Amino acid sequence: MSAQAVGFAVGRNEISLIVPCHRVVGTNGSLAGYAGGIDKKITFLKLEGAYKNEYFIPKHSTAP
């Protein structure tokens, strides 16, 4: 998908949905990718009532 197409779609939408990065969880339930630290990510998820017991901290970084 081109950047122009994305820009057009964003411009046509009346409402933008923004997902806070601490809400991003791996498809397998891994809690990774939060610069603030995994402990803070878990705290935020619990505070929002979005934490699930199936979530886990990966043993190895998934960053490239």
C-alpha atoms as a PDB file:
ATOM      1  CA  MET A   1       0.000   0.000   0.000  1.00  0.00           C
ATOM      2  CA  SER A   2       1.424   3.371  -0.942  1.00  0.00           C
ATOM      3  CA  ALA A   3       1.885   6.246   1.447  1.00  0.00           C
ATOM      4  CA  GLN A   4      -0.416   8.300  -0.773  1.00  0.00           C
ATOM      5  CA  ALA A   5      -3.225   5.754  -0.387  1.00  0.00           C
ATOM      6  CA  VAL A   6      -2.770   5.705   3.379  1.00  0.00           C
ATOM      7  CA  GLY A   7      -2.812   9.502   3.512  1.00  0.00           C
ATOM      8  CA  PHE A   8      -5.991   9.594   1.429  1.00  0.00           C
ATOM      9  CA  ALA A   9      -7.716   7.045   3.678  1.00  0.00           C
ATOM     10  CA  VAL A  10      -6.691   8.886   6.848  1.00  0.00           C
ATOM     11  CA  GLY A  11      -7.927  12.166   5.383  1.00  0.00           C
ATOM     12  CA  ARG A  12     -11.312  10.658   4.491  1.00  0.00           C
ATOM     13  CA  ASN A  13     -11.953   9.140   7.927  1.00  0.00           C
ATOM     14  CA  GLU A  14     -13.906  11.323  10.310  1.00  0.00           C
ATOM     15  CA  ILE A  15     -12.645   9.493  13.374  1.00  0.00           C
ATOM     16  CA  SER A  16      -9.068   8.370  13.963  1.00  0.00           C
ATOM     17  CA  LEU A  17      -8.435   5.431  16.270  1.00  0.00           C
ATOM     18  CA  ILE A  18      -5.243   5.594  18.238  1.00  0.00           C
ATOM     19  CA  VAL A  19      -4.040   2.493  20.080  1.00  0.00           C
ATOM     20  CA  PRO A  20      -1.604   3.266  22.897  1.00  0.00           C
ATOM     21  CA  CYS A  21       1.607   1.290  22.425  1.00  0.00           C
ATOM     22  CA  HIS A  22       1.272  -0.404  25.823  1.00  0.00           C
ATOM     23  CA  ARG A  23      -1.872  -2.077  24.441  1.00  0.00           C
ATOM     24  CA  VAL A  24       0.087  -3.874  21.711  1.00  0.00           C
ATOM     25  CA  VAL A  25       0.454  -7.561  22.587  1.00  0.00           C
ATOM     26  CA  GLY A  26       1.964 -10.327  20.440  1.00  0.00           C
ATOM     27  CA  THR A  27      -0.394 -12.776  18.752  1.00  0.00           C
ATOM     28  CA  ASN A  28       0.970 -15.457  21.078  1.00  0.00           C
ATOM     29  CA  GLY A  29       0.329 -13.308  24.178  1.00  0.00           C
ATOM     30  CA  SER A  30       3.881 -12.014  24.593  1.00  0.00           C
ATOM     31  CA  LEU A  31       4.345  -8.651  26.265  1.00  0.00           C
ATOM     32  CA  ALA A  32       7.103  -6.976  24.308  1.00  0.00           C
ATOM     33  CA  GLY A  33       7.881  -3.731  22.576  1.00  0.00           C
ATOM     34  CA  TYR A  34       7.249  -1.108  25.237  1.00  0.00           C
ATOM     35  CA  ALA A  35      10.086   1.378  25.761  1.00  0.00           C
ATOM     36  CA  GLY A  36       8.797   2.286  29.230  1.00  0.00           C
ATOM     37  CA  GLY A  37       9.558  -1.227  30.473  1.00  0.00           C
ATOM     38  CA  ILE A  38       7.546  -4.419  30.753  1.00  0.00           C
ATOM     39  CA  ASP A  39       6.711  -3.741  34.409  1.00  0.00           C
ATOM     40  CA  LYS A  40       5.041  -0.447  33.494  1.00  0.00           C
ATOM     41  CA  LYS A  41       3.256  -2.094  30.553  1.00  0.00           C
ATOM     42  CA  ILE A  42       1.779  -4.712  32.918  1.00  0.00           C
ATOM     43  CA  THR A  43       0.789  -1.980  35.395  1.00  0.00           C
ATOM     44  CA  PHE A  44      -1.050  -0.017  32.692  1.00  0.00           C
ATOM     45  CA  LEU A  45      -2.824  -3.126  31.372  1.00  0.00           C
ATOM     46  CA  LYS A  46      -3.942  -4.081  34.894  1.00  0.00           C
ATOM     47  CA  LEU A  47      -5.053  -0.513  35.655  1.00  0.00           C
ATOM     48  CA  GLU A  48      -7.230  -0.556  32.526  1.00  0.00           C
ATOM     49  CA  GLY A  49      -8.589  -4.037  33.258  1.00  0.00           C
ATOM     50  CA  ALA A  50      -7.028  -5.372  30.057  1.00  0.00           C
ATOM     51  CA  TYR A  51      -4.436  -7.720  31.582  1.00  0.00           C
ATOM     52  CA  LYS A  52      -4.923 -11.446  30.988  1.00  0.00           C
ATOM     53  CA  ASN A  53      -3.215 -14.284  32.823  1.00  0.00           C
ATOM     54  CA  GLU A  54      -2.229 -15.788  29.441  1.00  0.00           C
ATOM     55  CA  TYR A  55       0.166 -12.892  28.790  1.00  0.00           C
ATOM     56  CA  PHE A  56       3.841 -13.609  29.335  1.00  0.00           C
ATOM     57  CA  ILE A  57       7.196 -11.874  29.172  1.00  0.00           C
ATOM     58  CA  PRO A  58       9.314 -13.307  26.334  1.00  0.00           C
ATOM     59  CA  LYS A  59      12.669 -14.802  27.349  1.00  0.00           C
ATOM     60  CA  HIS A  60      14.437 -13.293  24.350  1.00  0.00           C
ATOM     61  CA  SER A  61      13.940  -9.928  22.696  1.00  0.00           C
ATOM     62  CA  THR A  62      11.848  -9.965  19.547  1.00  0.00           C
ATOM     63  CA  ALA A  63      13.347  -6.677  18.334  1.00  0.00           C
ATOM     64  CA  PRO A  64      15.271  -6.795  15.056  1.00  0.00           C
END
